[in-house]
Amino acid sequence: MAERLAQLRRDGAPAILIDGPDANDTRRLEVAYLSQTEPDEFLFRISETGAGRAESALQQALGLTAREAEVLVWIAHGKSNRDISDILGISPRTVNKHLEQVFVKLGVENRASAAAVAVRVMAG
């Protein structure tokens, strides 16, 4: 793996895809070189390809918009409105507005209940 990362830095190749450890693991990770931060320190971005499956499941099962589903996924991961605003590049107030709509659509009164609904949908 170290050689593949070194090659990624040298060649500027766009990314390396890494499949899950076995045939039952459908996750794929994409590794992309971003920059060198120190003489012996490098910055890579690792992202799971096919991301968005949770959001799609929430949209279909709960009748949410794409952005509402994104907010709900992060709520289910225990993130604060401030964290979610940083992750999604929107204001905390906008996160709160999306969350208000999520509560109405799910028929819940708080983020813990919304997270519980989301976890059930994402697990199933």
PDB file of N, CA and C in Angstrom:
ATOM      1  N   MET A   1       0.817  -1.182   0.000  1.00  0.00           N
ATOM      2  CA  MET A   1       0.000   0.000   0.000  1.00  0.00           C
ATOM      3  C   MET A   1       0.872   1.261   0.000  1.00  0.00           C
ATOM      4  N   ALA A   2       1.959   1.237   0.743  1.00  0.00           N
ATOM      5  CA  ALA A   2       2.847   2.396   0.797  1.00  0.00           C
ATOM      6  C   ALA A   2       3.367   2.755  -0.593  1.00  0.00           C
ATOM      7  N   GLU A   3       3.697   1.743  -1.383  1.00  0.00           N
ATOM      8  CA  GLU A   3       4.181   2.000  -2.741  1.00  0.00           C
ATOM      9  C   GLU A   3       3.085   2.626  -3.602  1.00  0.00           C
ATOM     10  N   ARG A   4       1.856   2.180  -3.441  1.00  0.00           N
ATOM     11  CA  ARG A   4       0.745   2.754  -4.207  1.00  0.00           C
ATOM     12  C   ARG A   4       0.538   4.221  -3.836  1.00  0.00           C
ATOM     13  N   LEU A   5       0.677   4.548  -2.550  1.00  0.00           N
ATOM     14  CA  LEU A   5       0.527   5.934  -2.124  1.00  0.00           C
ATOM     15  C   LEU A   5       1.672   6.802  -2.649  1.00  0.00           C
ATOM     16  N   ALA A   6       2.884   6.252  -2.638  1.00  0.00           N
ATOM     17  CA  ALA A   6       4.029   6.983  -3.179  1.00  0.00           C
ATOM     18  C   ALA A   6       3.834   7.233  -4.669  1.00  0.00           C
ATOM     19  N   GLN A   7       3.340   6.252  -5.383  1.00  0.00           N
ATOM     20  CA  GLN A   7       3.079   6.408  -6.815  1.00  0.00           C
ATOM     21  C   GLN A   7       2.000   7.468  -7.048  1.00  0.00           C
ATOM     22  N   LEU A   8       1.003   7.482  -6.208  1.00  0.00           N
ATOM     23  CA  LEU A   8      -0.064   8.473  -6.316  1.00  0.00           C
ATOM     24  C   LEU A   8       0.508   9.882  -6.169  1.00  0.00           C
ATOM     25  N   ARG A   9       1.452  10.067  -5.231  1.00  0.00           N
ATOM     26  CA  ARG A   9       2.093  11.368  -5.045  1.00  0.00           C
ATOM     27  C   ARG A   9       2.957  11.730  -6.239  1.00  0.00           C
ATOM     28  N   ARG A  10       3.765  10.771  -6.725  1.00  0.00           N
ATOM     29  CA  ARG A  10       4.694  11.038  -7.835  1.00  0.00           C
ATOM     30  C   ARG A  10       3.977  11.332  -9.132  1.00  0.00           C
ATOM     31  N   ASP A  11       3.046  10.478  -9.494  1.00  0.00           N
ATOM     32  CA  ASP A  11       2.407  10.556 -10.810  1.00  0.00           C
ATOM     33  C   ASP A  11       1.241  11.542 -10.853  1.00  0.00           C
ATOM     34  N   GLY A  12       0.742  11.926  -9.677  1.00  0.00           N
ATOM     35  CA  GLY A  12      -0.423  12.800  -9.662  1.00  0.00           C
ATOM     36  C   GLY A  12      -1.655  12.107 -10.193  1.00  0.00           C
ATOM     37  N   ALA A  13      -1.645  10.773 -10.129  1.00  0.00           N
ATOM     38  CA  ALA A  13      -2.817  10.015 -10.571  1.00  0.00           C
ATOM     39  C   ALA A  13      -4.028  10.460  -9.767  1.00  0.00           C
ATOM     40  N   PRO A  14      -5.206  10.437 -10.351  1.00  0.00           N
ATOM     41  CA  PRO A  14      -6.361  10.992  -9.669  1.00  0.00           C
ATOM     42  C   PRO A  14      -6.744  10.264  -8.380  1.00  0.00           C
ATOM     43  N   ALA A  15      -6.650   8.956  -8.345  1.00  0.00           N
ATOM     44  CA  ALA A  15      -7.087   8.246  -7.147  1.00  0.00           C
ATOM     45  C   ALA A  15      -6.729   6.772  -7.219  1.00  0.00           C
ATOM     46  N   ILE A  16      -6.796   6.146  -6.081  1.00  0.00           N
ATOM     47  CA  ILE A  16      -6.625   4.697  -5.969  1.00  0.00           C
ATOM     48  C   ILE A  16      -7.914   4.160  -5.379  1.00  0.00           C
ATOM     49  N   LEU A  17      -8.458   3.122  -5.953  1.00  0.00           N
ATOM     50  CA  LEU A  17      -9.648   2.486  -5.393  1.00  0.00           C
ATOM     51  C   LEU A  17      -9.237   1.236  -4.637  1.00  0.00           C
ATOM     52  N   ILE A  18      -9.795   1.076  -3.451  1.00  0.00           N
ATOM     53  CA  ILE A  18      -9.503  -0.086  -2.622  1.00  0.00           C
ATOM     54  C   ILE A  18     -10.820  -0.780  -2.343  1.00  0.00           C
ATOM     55  N   ASP A  19     -10.938  -2.035  -2.759  1.00  0.00           N
ATOM     56  CA  ASP A  19     -12.155  -2.801  -2.507  1.00  0.00           C
ATOM     57  C   ASP A  19     -12.159  -3.327  -1.087  1.00  0.00           C
ATOM     58  N   GLY A  20     -13.348  -3.694  -0.603  1.00  0.00           N
ATOM     59  CA  GLY A  20     -13.489  -4.295   0.714  1.00  0.00           C
ATOM     60  C   GLY A  20     -12.684  -5.578   0.809  1.00  0.00           C
ATOM     61  N   PRO A  21     -12.463  -6.074   2.041  1.00  0.00           N
ATOM     62  CA  PRO A  21     -11.585  -7.227   2.243  1.00  0.00           C
ATOM     63  C   PRO A  21     -12.116  -8.541   1.686  1.00  0.00           C
ATOM     64  N   ASP A  22     -13.412  -8.651   1.452  1.00  0.00           N
ATOM     65  CA  ASP A  22     -13.938  -9.902   0.913  1.00  0.00           C
ATOM     66  C   ASP A  22     -15.115  -9.621  -0.018  1.00  0.00           C
ATOM     67  N   ALA A  23     -15.615 -10.646  -0.640  1.00  0.00           N
ATOM     68  CA  ALA A  23     -16.668 -10.487  -1.644  1.00  0.00           C
ATOM     69  C   ALA A  23     -17.964  -9.953  -1.040  1.00  0.00           C
ATOM     70  N   ASN A  24     -18.194 -10.178   0.255  1.00  0.00           N
ATOM     71  CA  ASN A  24     -19.413  -9.706   0.899  1.00  0.00           C
ATOM     72  C   ASN A  24     -19.340  -8.241   1.291  1.00  0.00           C
ATOM     73  N   ASP A  25     -18.169  -7.654   1.243  1.00  0.00           N
ATOM     74  CA  ASP A  25     -17.979  -6.258   1.609  1.00  0.00           C
ATOM     75  C   ASP A  25     -18.006  -5.427   0.333  1.00  0.00           C
ATOM     76  N   THR A  26     -19.075  -4.684   0.127  1.00  0.00           N
ATOM     77  CA  THR A  26     -19.243  -3.928  -1.120  1.00  0.00           C
ATOM     78  C   THR A  26     -18.669  -2.522  -1.041  1.00  0.00           C
ATOM     79  N   ARG A  27     -18.055  -2.180   0.088  1.00  0.00           N
ATOM     80  CA  ARG A  27     -17.484  -0.845   0.219  1.00  0.00           C
ATOM     81  C   ARG A  27     -16.237  -0.706  -0.652  1.00  0.00           C
ATOM     82  N   ARG A  28     -16.077   0.472  -1.200  1.00  0.00           N
ATOM     83  CA  ARG A  28     -14.862   0.819  -1.936  1.00  0.00           C
ATOM     84  C   ARG A  28     -14.387   2.151  -1.398  1.00  0.00           C
ATOM     85  N   LEU A  29     -13.106   2.230  -1.148  1.00  0.00           N
ATOM     86  CA  LEU A  29     -12.520   3.480  -0.693  1.00  0.00           C
ATOM     87  C   LEU A  29     -11.725   4.097  -1.824  1.00  0.00           C
ATOM     88  N   GLU A  30     -11.832   5.398  -1.960  1.00  0.00           N
ATOM     89  CA  GLU A  30     -11.078   6.146  -2.949  1.00  0.00           C
ATOM     90  C   GLU A  30     -10.068   6.997  -2.192  1.00  0.00           C
ATOM     91  N   VAL A  31      -8.804   6.876  -2.560  1.00  0.00           N
ATOM     92  CA  VAL A  31      -7.738   7.632  -1.921  1.00  0.00           C
ATOM     93  C   VAL A  31      -7.179   8.600  -2.954  1.00  0.00           C
ATOM     94  N   ALA A  32      -7.183   9.879  -2.618  1.00  0.00           N
ATOM     95  CA  ALA A  32      -6.668  10.894  -3.538  1.00  0.00           C
ATOM     96  C   ALA A  32      -5.622  11.739  -2.814  1.00  0.00           C
ATOM     97  N   TYR A  33      -4.516  11.991  -3.468  1.00  0.00           N
ATOM     98  CA  TYR A  33      -3.457  12.833  -2.911  1.00  0.00           C
ATOM     99  C   TYR A  33      -3.865  14.291  -3.017  1.00  0.00           C
ATOM    100  N   LEU A  34      -3.732  15.046  -1.904  1.00  0.00           N
ATOM    101  CA  LEU A  34      -4.083  16.460  -1.917  1.00  0.00           C
ATOM    102  C   LEU A  34      -2.853  17.364  -1.900  1.00  0.00           C
ATOM    103  N   SER A  35      -1.952  17.147  -0.924  1.00  0.00           N
ATOM    104  CA  SER A  35      -0.782  18.022  -0.855  1.00  0.00           C
ATOM    105  C   SER A  35       0.239  17.472   0.135  1.00  0.00           C
ATOM    106  N   GLN A  36       1.398  18.114   0.123  1.00  0.00           N
ATOM    107  CA  GLN A  36       2.439  17.795   1.091  1.00  0.00           C
ATOM    108  C   GLN A  36       2.408  18.898   2.139  1.00  0.00           C
ATOM    109  N   THR A  37       2.290  18.521   3.429  1.00  0.00           N
ATOM    110  CA  THR A  37       2.172  19.518   4.487  1.00  0.00           C
ATOM    111  C   THR A  37       3.483  19.772   5.221  1.00  0.00           C
ATOM    112  N   GLU A  38       4.340  18.772   5.273  1.00  0.00           N
ATOM    113  CA  GLU A  38       5.659  18.852   5.898  1.00  0.00           C
ATOM    114  C   GLU A  38       6.600  18.013   5.027  1.00  0.00           C
ATOM    115  N   PRO A  39       7.903  18.062   5.252  1.00  0.00           N
ATOM    116  CA  PRO A  39       8.810  17.266   4.416  1.00  0.00           C
ATOM    117  C   PRO A  39       8.455  15.765   4.354  1.00  0.00           C
ATOM    118  N   ASP A  40       8.044  15.209   5.462  1.00  0.00           N
ATOM    119  CA  ASP A  40       7.669  13.782   5.482  1.00  0.00           C
ATOM    120  C   ASP A  40       6.216  13.581   5.850  1.00  0.00           C
ATOM    121  N   GLU A  41       5.354  14.529   5.506  1.00  0.00           N
ATOM    122  CA  GLU A  41       3.944  14.459   5.863  1.00  0.00           C
ATOM    123  C   GLU A  41       3.106  14.833   4.650  1.00  0.00           C
ATOM    124  N   PHE A  42       2.111  13.988   4.351  1.00  0.00           N
ATOM    125  CA  PHE A  42       1.290  14.179   3.162  1.00  0.00           C
ATOM    126  C   PHE A  42      -0.179  14.156   3.540  1.00  0.00           C
ATOM    127  N   LEU A  43      -0.984  14.877   2.795  1.00  0.00           N
ATOM    128  CA  LEU A  43      -2.415  14.945   3.037  1.00  0.00           C
ATOM    129  C   LEU A  43      -3.140  14.183   1.928  1.00  0.00           C
ATOM    130  N   PHE A  44      -3.919  13.177   2.339  1.00  0.00           N
ATOM    131  CA  PHE A  44      -4.721  12.387   1.413  1.00  0.00           C
ATOM    132  C   PHE A  44      -6.187  12.511   1.813  1.00  0.00           C
ATOM    133  N   ARG A  45      -7.073  12.431   0.841  1.00  0.00           N
ATOM    134  CA  ARG A  45      -8.511  12.379   1.112  1.00  0.00           C
ATOM    135  C   ARG A  45      -8.959  10.944   0.886  1.00  0.00           C
ATOM    136  N   ILE A  46      -9.624  10.369   1.860  1.00  0.00           N
ATOM    137  CA  ILE A  46     -10.171   9.022   1.734  1.00  0.00           C
ATOM    138  C   ILE A  46     -11.680   9.149   1.788  1.00  0.00           C
ATOM    139  N   SER A  47     -12.356   8.670   0.760  1.00  0.00           N
ATOM    140  CA  SER A  47     -13.814   8.739   0.744  1.00  0.00           C
ATOM    141  C   SER A  47     -14.376   7.410   0.273  1.00  0.00           C
ATOM    142  N   GLU A  48     -15.545   7.104   0.773  1.00  0.00           N
ATOM    143  CA  GLU A  48     -16.208   5.872   0.386  1.00  0.00           C
ATOM    144  C   GLU A  48     -17.013   6.138  -0.881  1.00  0.00           C
ATOM    145  N   THR A  49     -16.727   5.393  -1.926  1.00  0.00           N
ATOM    146  CA  THR A  49     -17.491   5.570  -3.156  1.00  0.00           C
ATOM    147  C   THR A  49     -18.843   4.910  -2.966  1.00  0.00           C
ATOM    148  N   GLY A  50     -19.781   5.352  -3.716  1.00  0.00           N
ATOM    149  CA  GLY A  50     -21.125   4.839  -3.535  1.00  0.00           C
ATOM    150  C   GLY A  50     -21.787   5.478  -2.324  1.00  0.00           C
ATOM    151  N   ALA A  51     -21.129   6.518  -1.791  1.00  0.00           N
ATOM    152  CA  ALA A  51     -21.723   7.223  -0.667  1.00  0.00           C
ATOM    153  C   ALA A  51     -23.040   7.811  -1.132  1.00  0.00           C
ATOM    154  N   GLY A  52     -23.910   8.039  -0.223  1.00  0.00           N
ATOM    155  CA  GLY A  52     -25.224   8.549  -0.589  1.00  0.00           C
ATOM    156  C   GLY A  52     -26.296   7.491  -0.499  1.00  0.00           C
ATOM    157  N   ARG A  53     -25.885   6.260  -0.245  1.00  0.00           N
ATOM    158  CA  ARG A  53     -26.884   5.197  -0.116  1.00  0.00           C
ATOM    159  C   ARG A  53     -27.802   5.444   1.070  1.00  0.00           C
ATOM    160  N   ALA A  54     -27.242   5.900   2.184  1.00  0.00           N
ATOM    161  CA  ALA A  54     -28.052   6.179   3.367  1.00  0.00           C
ATOM    162  C   ALA A  54     -29.030   7.315   3.075  1.00  0.00           C
ATOM    163  N   GLU A  55     -28.538   8.363   2.436  1.00  0.00           N
ATOM    164  CA  GLU A  55     -29.398   9.487   2.103  1.00  0.00           C
ATOM    165  C   GLU A  55     -30.532   9.061   1.189  1.00  0.00           C
ATOM    166  N   SER A  56     -30.202   8.246   0.197  1.00  0.00           N
ATOM    167  CA  SER A  56     -31.216   7.762  -0.736  1.00  0.00           C
ATOM    168  C   SER A  56     -32.271   6.924  -0.019  1.00  0.00           C
ATOM    169  N   ALA A  57     -31.838   6.068   0.873  1.00  0.00           N
ATOM    170  CA  ALA A  57     -32.775   5.229   1.634  1.00  0.00           C
ATOM    171  C   ALA A  57     -33.703   6.092   2.479  1.00  0.00           C
ATOM    172  N   LEU A  58     -33.155   7.134   3.105  1.00  0.00           N
ATOM    173  CA  LEU A  58     -33.975   8.020   3.928  1.00  0.00           C
ATOM    174  C   LEU A  58     -34.964   8.809   3.076  1.00  0.00           C
ATOM    175  N   GLN A  59     -34.515   9.267   1.912  1.00  0.00           N
ATOM    176  CA  GLN A  59     -35.412   9.995   1.015  1.00  0.00           C
ATOM    177  C   GLN A  59     -36.599   9.133   0.620  1.00  0.00           C
ATOM    178  N   GLN A  60     -36.309   7.919   0.206  1.00  0.00           N
ATOM    179  CA  GLN A  60     -37.369   7.032  -0.276  1.00  0.00           C
ATOM    180  C   GLN A  60     -38.297   6.587   0.842  1.00  0.00           C
ATOM    181  N   ALA A  61     -37.736   6.206   1.974  1.00  0.00           N
ATOM    182  CA  ALA A  61     -38.553   5.661   3.063  1.00  0.00           C
ATOM    183  C   ALA A  61     -39.340   6.735   3.812  1.00  0.00           C
ATOM    184  N   LEU A  62     -38.789   7.949   3.885  1.00  0.00           N
ATOM    185  CA  LEU A  62     -39.388   8.960   4.751  1.00  0.00           C
ATOM    186  C   LEU A  62     -39.915  10.185   4.010  1.00  0.00           C
ATOM    187  N   GLY A  63     -39.731  10.221   2.710  1.00  0.00           N
ATOM    188  CA  GLY A  63     -40.233  11.340   1.918  1.00  0.00           C
ATOM    189  C   GLY A  63     -39.491  12.640   2.167  1.00  0.00           C
ATOM    190  N   LEU A  64     -38.186  12.558   2.366  1.00  0.00           N
ATOM    191  CA  LEU A  64     -37.365  13.729   2.635  1.00  0.00           C
ATOM    192  C   LEU A  64     -36.745  14.263   1.352  1.00  0.00           C
ATOM    193  N   THR A  65     -36.373  15.530   1.376  1.00  0.00           N
ATOM    194  CA  THR A  65     -35.581  16.085   0.273  1.00  0.00           C
ATOM    195  C   THR A  65     -34.153  15.570   0.426  1.00  0.00           C
ATOM    196  N   ALA A  66     -33.345  15.768  -0.595  1.00  0.00           N
ATOM    197  CA  ALA A  66     -31.957  15.318  -0.543  1.00  0.00           C
ATOM    198  C   ALA A  66     -31.205  15.995   0.603  1.00  0.00           C
ATOM    199  N   ARG A  67     -31.402  17.299   0.786  1.00  0.00           N
ATOM    200  CA  ARG A  67     -30.690  18.018   1.840  1.00  0.00           C
ATOM    201  C   ARG A  67     -31.195  17.612   3.222  1.00  0.00           C
ATOM    202  N   GLU A  68     -32.493  17.414   3.360  1.00  0.00           N
ATOM    203  CA  GLU A  68     -33.030  16.943   4.644  1.00  0.00           C
ATOM    204  C   GLU A  68     -32.447  15.577   5.002  1.00  0.00           C
ATOM    205  N   ALA A  69     -32.315  14.718   4.011  1.00  0.00           N
ATOM    206  CA  ALA A  69     -31.732  13.394   4.245  1.00  0.00           C
ATOM    207  C   ALA A  69     -30.272  13.509   4.657  1.00  0.00           C
ATOM    208  N   GLU A  70     -29.523  14.407   4.021  1.00  0.00           N
ATOM    209  CA  GLU A  70     -28.117  14.608   4.407  1.00  0.00           C
ATOM    210  C   GLU A  70     -28.017  15.068   5.856  1.00  0.00           C
ATOM    211  N   VAL A  71     -28.838  16.025   6.225  1.00  0.00           N
ATOM    212  CA  VAL A  71     -28.830  16.532   7.603  1.00  0.00           C
ATOM    213  C   VAL A  71     -29.174  15.403   8.569  1.00  0.00           C
ATOM    214  N   LEU A  72     -30.178  14.610   8.234  1.00  0.00           N
ATOM    215  CA  LEU A  72     -30.601  13.521   9.122  1.00  0.00           C
ATOM    216  C   LEU A  72     -29.517  12.461   9.277  1.00  0.00           C
ATOM    217  N   VAL A  73     -28.791  12.163   8.224  1.00  0.00           N
ATOM    218  CA  VAL A  73     -27.685  11.201   8.329  1.00  0.00           C
ATOM    219  C   VAL A  73     -26.679  11.686   9.358  1.00  0.00           C
ATOM    220  N   TRP A  74     -26.328  12.967   9.312  1.00  0.00           N
ATOM    221  CA  TRP A  74     -25.340  13.496  10.256  1.00  0.00           C
ATOM    222  C   TRP A  74     -25.902  13.573  11.670  1.00  0.00           C
ATOM    223  N   ILE A  75     -27.201  13.831  11.801  1.00  0.00           N
ATOM    224  CA  ILE A  75     -27.842  13.790  13.125  1.00  0.00           C
ATOM    225  C   ILE A  75     -27.722  12.377  13.690  1.00  0.00           C
ATOM    226  N   ALA A  76     -27.964  11.385  12.841  1.00  0.00           N
ATOM    227  CA  ALA A  76     -27.867   9.985  13.274  1.00  0.00           C
ATOM    228  C   ALA A  76     -26.441   9.614  13.667  1.00  0.00           C
ATOM    229  N   HIS A  77     -25.464  10.343  13.146  1.00  0.00           N
ATOM    230  CA  HIS A  77     -24.069  10.111  13.517  1.00  0.00           C
ATOM    231  C   HIS A  77     -23.644  10.962  14.713  1.00  0.00           C
ATOM    232  N   GLY A  78     -24.607  11.648  15.340  1.00  0.00           N
ATOM    233  CA  GLY A  78     -24.330  12.393  16.559  1.00  0.00           C
ATOM    234  C   GLY A  78     -23.705  13.765  16.378  1.00  0.00           C
ATOM    235  N   LYS A  79     -23.781  14.323  15.189  1.00  0.00           N
ATOM    236  CA  LYS A  79     -23.169  15.626  14.931  1.00  0.00           C
ATOM    237  C   LYS A  79     -24.081  16.768  15.380  1.00  0.00           C
ATOM    238  N   SER A  80     -23.477  17.849  15.828  1.00  0.00           N
ATOM    239  CA  SER A  80     -24.224  19.048  16.213  1.00  0.00           C
ATOM    240  C   SER A  80     -24.601  19.838  14.961  1.00  0.00           C
ATOM    241  N   ASN A  81     -25.510  20.787  15.126  1.00  0.00           N
ATOM    242  CA  ASN A  81     -25.876  21.640  13.987  1.00  0.00           C
ATOM    243  C   ASN A  81     -24.661  22.382  13.448  1.00  0.00           C
ATOM    244  N   ARG A  82     -23.787  22.837  14.336  1.00  0.00           N
ATOM    245  CA  ARG A  82     -22.575  23.545  13.915  1.00  0.00           C
ATOM    246  C   ARG A  82     -21.681  22.620  13.079  1.00  0.00           C
ATOM    247  N   ASP A  83     -21.496  21.371  13.543  1.00  0.00           N
ATOM    248  CA  ASP A  83     -20.684  20.406  12.791  1.00  0.00           C
ATOM    249  C   ASP A  83     -21.295  20.144  11.419  1.00  0.00           C
ATOM    250  N   ILE A  84     -22.609  19.954  11.396  1.00  0.00           N
ATOM    251  CA  ILE A  84     -23.297  19.662  10.136  1.00  0.00           C
ATOM    252  C   ILE A  84     -23.165  20.846   9.180  1.00  0.00           C
ATOM    253  N   SER A  85     -23.263  22.049   9.710  1.00  0.00           N
ATOM    254  CA  SER A  85     -23.130  23.231   8.842  1.00  0.00           C
ATOM    255  C   SER A  85     -21.735  23.283   8.224  1.00  0.00           C
ATOM    256  N   ASP A  86     -20.717  22.929   9.003  1.00  0.00           N
ATOM    257  CA  ASP A  86     -19.350  22.893   8.464  1.00  0.00           C
ATOM    258  C   ASP A  86     -19.201  21.805   7.411  1.00  0.00           C
ATOM    259  N   ILE A  87     -19.755  20.638   7.675  1.00  0.00           N
ATOM    260  CA  ILE A  87     -19.641  19.507   6.752  1.00  0.00           C
ATOM    261  C   ILE A  87     -20.340  19.799   5.426  1.00  0.00           C
ATOM    262  N   LEU A  88     -21.550  20.352   5.513  1.00  0.00           N
ATOM    263  CA  LEU A  88     -22.355  20.571   4.303  1.00  0.00           C
ATOM    264  C   LEU A  88     -22.136  21.944   3.671  1.00  0.00           C
ATOM    265  N   GLY A  89     -21.408  22.821   4.349  1.00  0.00           N
ATOM    266  CA  GLY A  89     -21.153  24.140   3.796  1.00  0.00           C
ATOM    267  C   GLY A  89     -22.374  25.041   3.788  1.00  0.00           C
ATOM    268  N   ILE A  90     -23.221  24.907   4.813  1.00  0.00           N
ATOM    269  CA  ILE A  90     -24.402  25.756   4.950  1.00  0.00           C
ATOM    270  C   ILE A  90     -24.393  26.350   6.355  1.00  0.00           C
ATOM    271  N   SER A  91     -25.250  27.315   6.611  1.00  0.00           N
ATOM    272  CA  SER A  91     -25.256  27.956   7.920  1.00  0.00           C
ATOM    273  C   SER A  91     -25.940  27.059   8.957  1.00  0.00           C
ATOM    274  N   PRO A  92     -25.592  27.215  10.238  1.00  0.00           N
ATOM    275  CA  PRO A  92     -26.273  26.450  11.288  1.00  0.00           C
ATOM    276  C   PRO A  92     -27.781  26.720  11.299  1.00  0.00           C
ATOM    277  N   ARG A  93     -28.171  27.939  10.976  1.00  0.00           N
ATOM    278  CA  ARG A  93     -29.602  28.275  10.918  1.00  0.00           C
ATOM    279  C   ARG A  93     -30.305  27.469   9.824  1.00  0.00           C
ATOM    280  N   THR A  94     -29.652  27.307   8.690  1.00  0.00           N
ATOM    281  CA  THR A  94     -30.227  26.508   7.606  1.00  0.00           C
ATOM    282  C   THR A  94     -30.345  25.047   8.029  1.00  0.00           C
ATOM    283  N   VAL A  95     -29.339  24.548   8.725  1.00  0.00           N
ATOM    284  CA  VAL A  95     -29.413  23.174   9.256  1.00  0.00           C
ATOM    285  C   VAL A  95     -30.638  23.054  10.157  1.00  0.00           C
ATOM    286  N   ASN A  96     -30.826  24.037  11.037  1.00  0.00           N
ATOM    287  CA  ASN A  96     -31.962  24.010  11.953  1.00  0.00           C
ATOM    288  C   ASN A  96     -33.287  24.005  11.192  1.00  0.00           C
ATOM    289  N   LYS A  97     -33.379  24.797  10.138  1.00  0.00           N
ATOM    290  CA  LYS A  97     -34.609  24.843   9.334  1.00  0.00           C
ATOM    291  C   LYS A  97     -34.886  23.485   8.671  1.00  0.00           C
ATOM    292  N   HIS A  98     -33.845  22.863   8.125  1.00  0.00           N
ATOM    293  CA  HIS A  98     -34.028  21.533   7.538  1.00  0.00           C
ATOM    294  C   HIS A  98     -34.470  20.546   8.613  1.00  0.00           C
ATOM    295  N   LEU A  99     -33.877  20.648   9.781  1.00  0.00           N
ATOM    296  CA  LEU A  99     -34.210  19.744  10.871  1.00  0.00           C
ATOM    297  C   LEU A  99     -35.657  19.925  11.327  1.00  0.00           C
ATOM    298  N   GLU A 100     -36.135  21.160  11.349  1.00  0.00           N
ATOM    299  CA  GLU A 100     -37.543  21.413  11.688  1.00  0.00           C
ATOM    300  C   GLU A 100     -38.465  20.674  10.723  1.00  0.00           C
ATOM    301  N   GLN A 101     -38.140  20.717   9.437  1.00  0.00           N
ATOM    302  CA  GLN A 101     -38.950  20.019   8.439  1.00  0.00           C
ATOM    303  C   GLN A 101     -38.868  18.497   8.611  1.00  0.00           C
ATOM    304  N   VAL A 102     -37.680  18.014   8.958  1.00  0.00           N
ATOM    305  CA  VAL A 102     -37.504  16.576   9.206  1.00  0.00           C
ATOM    306  C   VAL A 102     -38.396  16.139  10.360  1.00  0.00           C
ATOM    307  N   PHE A 103     -38.419  16.906  11.437  1.00  0.00           N
ATOM    308  CA  PHE A 103     -39.253  16.566  12.596  1.00  0.00           C
ATOM    309  C   PHE A 103     -40.721  16.454  12.187  1.00  0.00           C
ATOM    310  N   VAL A 104     -41.193  17.405  11.395  1.00  0.00           N
ATOM    311  CA  VAL A 104     -42.591  17.394  10.943  1.00  0.00           C
ATOM    312  C   VAL A 104     -42.856  16.155  10.096  1.00  0.00           C
ATOM    313  N   LYS A 105     -41.988  15.879   9.140  1.00  0.00           N
ATOM    314  CA  LYS A 105     -42.198  14.754   8.236  1.00  0.00           C
ATOM    315  C   LYS A 105     -42.128  13.411   8.948  1.00  0.00           C
ATOM    316  N   LEU A 106     -41.287  13.320   9.990  1.00  0.00           N
ATOM    317  CA  LEU A 106     -41.158  12.068  10.728  1.00  0.00           C
ATOM    318  C   LEU A 106     -42.151  11.967  11.877  1.00  0.00           C
ATOM    319  N   GLY A 107     -42.805  13.063  12.229  1.00  0.00           N
ATOM    320  CA  GLY A 107     -43.744  13.059  13.338  1.00  0.00           C
ATOM    321  C   GLY A 107     -43.050  12.890  14.682  1.00  0.00           C
ATOM    322  N   VAL A 108     -41.861  13.500  14.811  1.00  0.00           N
ATOM    323  CA  VAL A 108     -41.103  13.424  16.067  1.00  0.00           C
ATOM    324  C   VAL A 108     -40.898  14.839  16.603  1.00  0.00           C
ATOM    325  N   GLU A 109     -40.438  14.919  17.858  1.00  0.00           N
ATOM    326  CA  GLU A 109     -40.287  16.225  18.482  1.00  0.00           C
ATOM    327  C   GLU A 109     -38.854  16.616  18.791  1.00  0.00           C
ATOM    328  N   ASN A 110     -37.913  15.674  18.637  1.00  0.00           N
ATOM    329  CA  ASN A 110     -36.531  16.026  18.980  1.00  0.00           C
ATOM    330  C   ASN A 110     -35.542  15.251  18.117  1.00  0.00           C
ATOM    331  N   ARG A 111     -34.290  15.660  18.184  1.00  0.00           N
ATOM    332  CA  ARG A 111     -33.253  15.071  17.341  1.00  0.00           C
ATOM    333  C   ARG A 111     -32.960  13.625  17.713  1.00  0.00           C
ATOM    334  N   ALA A 112     -33.108  13.266  18.981  1.00  0.00           N
ATOM    335  CA  ALA A 112     -32.857  11.881  19.383  1.00  0.00           C
ATOM    336  C   ALA A 112     -33.871  10.940  18.734  1.00  0.00           C
ATOM    337  N   SER A 113     -35.132  11.352  18.706  1.00  0.00           N
ATOM    338  CA  SER A 113     -36.155  10.538  18.062  1.00  0.00           C
ATOM    339  C   SER A 113     -35.933  10.458  16.562  1.00  0.00           C
ATOM    340  N   ALA A 114     -35.548  11.573  15.964  1.00  0.00           N
ATOM    341  CA  ALA A 114     -35.259  11.586  14.523  1.00  0.00           C
ATOM    342  C   ALA A 114     -34.075  10.662  14.216  1.00  0.00           C
ATOM    343  N   ALA A 115     -33.058  10.716  15.058  1.00  0.00           N
ATOM    344  CA  ALA A 115     -31.883   9.852  14.864  1.00  0.00           C
ATOM    345  C   ALA A 115     -32.270   8.384  14.967  1.00  0.00           C
ATOM    346  N   ALA A 116     -33.134   8.060  15.907  1.00  0.00           N
ATOM    347  CA  ALA A 116     -33.576   6.668  16.075  1.00  0.00           C
ATOM    348  C   ALA A 116     -34.309   6.172  14.820  1.00  0.00           C
ATOM    349  N   VAL A 117     -35.180   7.007  14.275  1.00  0.00           N
ATOM    350  CA  VAL A 117     -35.884   6.640  13.032  1.00  0.00           C
ATOM    351  C   VAL A 117     -34.875   6.430  11.913  1.00  0.00           C
ATOM    352  N   ALA A 118     -33.933   7.349  11.799  1.00  0.00           N
ATOM    353  CA  ALA A 118     -32.924   7.259  10.728  1.00  0.00           C
ATOM    354  C   ALA A 118     -32.096   5.990  10.847  1.00  0.00           C
ATOM    355  N   VAL A 119     -31.665   5.665  12.034  1.00  0.00           N
ATOM    356  CA  VAL A 119     -30.853   4.469  12.242  1.00  0.00           C
ATOM    357  C   VAL A 119     -31.621   3.212  11.841  1.00  0.00           C
ATOM    358  N   ARG A 120     -32.900   3.154  12.198  1.00  0.00           N
ATOM    359  CA  ARG A 120     -33.732   1.990  11.813  1.00  0.00           C
ATOM    360  C   ARG A 120     -33.819   1.869  10.286  1.00  0.00           C
ATOM    361  N   VAL A 121     -34.042   2.993   9.615  1.00  0.00           N
ATOM    362  CA  VAL A 121     -34.152   2.962   8.147  1.00  0.00           C
ATOM    363  C   VAL A 121     -32.818   2.576   7.512  1.00  0.00           C
ATOM    364  N   MET A 122     -31.736   3.166   7.993  1.00  0.00           N
ATOM    365  CA  MET A 122     -30.423   2.886   7.398  1.00  0.00           C
ATOM    366  C   MET A 122     -29.964   1.457   7.653  1.00  0.00           C
ATOM    367  N   ALA A 123     -30.397   0.869   8.754  1.00  0.00           N
ATOM    368  CA  ALA A 123     -29.998  -0.509   9.083  1.00  0.00           C
ATOM    369  C   ALA A 123     -30.797  -1.523   8.272  1.00  0.00           C
ATOM    370  N   GLY A 124     -31.965  -1.142   7.853  1.00  0.00           N
ATOM    371  CA  GLY A 124     -32.843  -2.095   7.169  1.00  0.00           C
ATOM    372  C   GLY A 124     -32.668  -2.065   5.732  1.00  0.00           C
TER     373      GLY A 124
END
